[in-house]
Protein backbone atom coordinates (compact mmCIF):
# COMPACT_ATOMS: atom_id res chain seq x y z
CA MET A 1 91.34 36.13 72.23
CA ALA A 2 90.58 32.76 73.83
CA TYR A 3 88.43 30.25 72.01
CA VAL A 4 84.82 30.23 73.22
CA PRO A 5 82.71 27.31 72.01
CA PRO A 6 79.50 28.47 70.30
CA ASP A 7 77.45 25.64 71.83
CA PRO A 8 77.43 23.53 75.00
CA PRO A 9 80.75 21.73 75.58
CA VAL A 10 79.17 18.36 74.70
CA THR A 11 76.42 18.09 72.11
CA PRO A 12 75.07 14.81 70.75
CA TYR A 13 75.26 14.72 66.94
CA LEU A 14 72.57 12.43 65.57
CA MET A 15 72.86 10.94 62.09
CA VAL A 16 69.51 10.02 60.59
CA GLY A 17 68.10 8.56 57.40
CA ASN A 18 65.72 11.45 56.70
CA GLY A 19 66.93 14.69 58.22
CA HIS A 20 63.99 16.89 57.36
CA ARG A 21 61.50 14.37 58.75
CA ALA A 22 63.66 14.04 61.87
CA LEU A 23 63.68 17.80 62.45
CA ASP A 24 59.89 17.86 62.30
CA TRP A 25 59.69 14.89 64.66
CA TYR A 26 62.00 16.40 67.30
CA VAL A 27 59.98 19.63 67.18
CA ARG A 28 56.72 17.76 67.77
CA ALA A 29 57.96 15.10 70.21
CA PHE A 30 60.55 16.99 72.26
CA GLY A 31 59.40 20.60 71.84
CA ALA A 32 62.58 21.41 69.91
CA ARG A 33 63.34 24.75 68.32
CA GLU A 34 65.52 25.00 65.24
CA VAL A 35 68.53 27.26 65.86
CA ASP A 36 70.63 26.64 62.72
CA ARG A 37 70.04 24.65 59.56
CA TYR A 38 72.06 23.92 56.44
CA ASP A 39 70.49 22.05 53.55
CA MET A 40 72.63 20.43 50.88
CA GLU A 41 72.12 20.96 47.15
CA ASP A 42 71.02 17.32 46.80
CA GLY A 43 68.18 17.89 49.30
CA ARG A 44 69.78 16.19 52.31
CA LEU A 45 70.10 17.90 55.65
CA GLY A 46 73.74 18.87 56.04
CA HIS A 47 73.48 20.08 59.64
CA ALA A 48 70.95 21.45 62.08
CA MET A 49 71.14 22.55 65.69
CA LEU A 50 68.05 22.13 67.82
CA THR A 51 67.33 23.36 71.33
CA LEU A 52 65.00 20.97 73.16
CA ALA A 53 62.21 22.06 75.49
CA ASN A 54 64.33 21.02 78.51
CA GLY A 55 67.10 23.45 77.47
CA GLY A 56 69.42 20.82 75.99
CA SER A 57 70.78 20.90 72.46
CA ILE A 58 71.34 18.34 69.73
CA TYR A 59 72.79 18.40 66.26
CA VAL A 60 71.04 16.45 63.50
CA ALA A 61 72.17 15.60 59.96
CA ASP A 62 71.37 13.15 57.24
CA GLU A 63 73.90 10.36 56.97
CA PHE A 64 76.46 10.64 54.18
CA PRO A 65 77.64 7.06 53.54
CA GLU A 66 79.85 8.22 50.70
CA MET A 67 81.81 10.30 53.23
CA ILE A 68 82.09 7.75 56.05
CA GLU A 69 85.88 8.13 56.15
CA THR A 70 85.62 11.79 57.14
CA ILE A 71 82.29 11.85 58.98
CA GLY A 72 82.83 8.66 60.95
CA THR A 73 79.29 7.43 61.54
CA LEU A 74 76.03 6.37 59.96
CA ALA A 75 72.41 6.44 61.04
CA PRO A 76 71.22 3.70 63.42
CA ASP A 77 69.16 2.06 60.66
CA SER A 78 72.31 1.62 58.55
CA LEU A 79 74.26 0.32 61.54
CA GLY A 80 71.55 -2.02 62.79
CA GLY A 81 71.23 -0.09 66.06
CA THR A 82 72.87 2.69 68.00
CA THR A 83 75.79 2.66 70.42
CA VAL A 84 74.69 5.69 72.44
CA THR A 85 71.75 6.56 74.66
CA VAL A 86 70.94 10.26 74.88
CA ALA A 87 69.92 11.16 78.44
CA LEU A 88 67.33 13.89 78.92
CA ALA A 89 66.54 15.43 82.29
CA VAL A 90 62.90 16.49 82.08
CA PRO A 91 60.38 17.91 84.54
CA ASP A 92 57.71 15.26 83.79
CA VAL A 93 58.89 11.89 82.45
CA ASP A 94 55.36 10.65 81.80
CA ALA A 95 54.35 13.72 79.78
CA TRP A 96 57.53 13.62 77.67
CA MET A 97 57.09 9.88 77.11
CA ALA A 98 53.44 10.27 76.13
CA ARG A 99 54.22 13.05 73.65
CA ALA A 100 57.06 11.05 72.06
CA ARG A 101 54.90 7.91 71.84
CA ALA A 102 52.08 9.88 70.22
CA GLU A 103 54.60 10.84 67.54
CA GLY A 104 55.73 7.25 66.93
CA ALA A 105 58.44 6.55 69.51
CA VAL A 106 58.58 3.03 70.90
CA ALA A 107 58.88 2.49 74.64
CA ILE A 108 61.91 0.39 75.58
CA ARG A 109 61.27 0.82 79.29
CA GLU A 110 58.05 2.16 80.74
CA ALA A 111 58.31 5.00 83.27
CA VAL A 112 59.06 3.79 86.80
CA ASP A 113 60.16 5.42 90.02
CA GLU A 114 63.73 4.46 90.95
CA PHE A 115 65.87 5.53 93.91
CA TYR A 116 67.28 8.41 91.80
CA GLY A 117 63.98 9.60 90.28
CA ARG A 118 61.52 8.61 87.58
CA HIS A 119 63.01 6.92 84.53
CA ALA A 120 61.87 5.71 81.10
CA LYS A 121 63.54 4.81 77.80
CA LEU A 122 62.32 5.11 74.24
CA ARG A 123 63.55 4.60 70.69
CA ASP A 124 62.69 7.38 68.26
CA PRO A 125 61.58 6.64 64.67
CA PHE A 126 65.18 7.22 63.49
CA GLY A 127 66.68 4.54 65.73
CA HIS A 128 68.10 6.75 68.48
CA VAL A 129 67.57 5.73 72.13
CA TRP A 130 66.56 8.33 74.71
CA SER A 131 66.64 7.96 78.50
CA LEU A 132 64.18 10.27 80.24
CA THR A 133 64.81 11.06 83.90
CA GLY A 134 62.98 13.39 86.23
CA PRO A 135 61.33 13.71 89.63
CA LYS A 136 59.50 10.75 91.10
CA ARG A 137 55.74 10.95 90.83
CA ASP A 138 55.37 11.69 94.54
CA GLU A 139 57.98 14.48 94.23
CA GLY A 140 56.43 16.13 91.16
């Protein structure tokens, strides 16, 4: 039998400093739904899969600095920033931005209409950067 991946072929895996708080935040800010979750005996979030309201998926886990050699990354706060922007295609950039800001996200770039559509960027409370793209206001 051929291997069939259980999830989308590319899924961002976000390391955070407080996994349980992050799960709650992504549910409130991005309309996420928890699909799988594994908590560690020490209380940290070992792994979670979330489906976002736009149909995309992300993985989230607490960072494990003591296992950096096998995990390979830390949370943005430990690194002093992030090296990746997660792009989200959404039906209403302004609504998604407003909901995320109401939950504590910081706008990096306010929503503007560009030649390719409406675009905004934000940083979530865990240090991850999100690029929201969708229809221009006059197309929505």
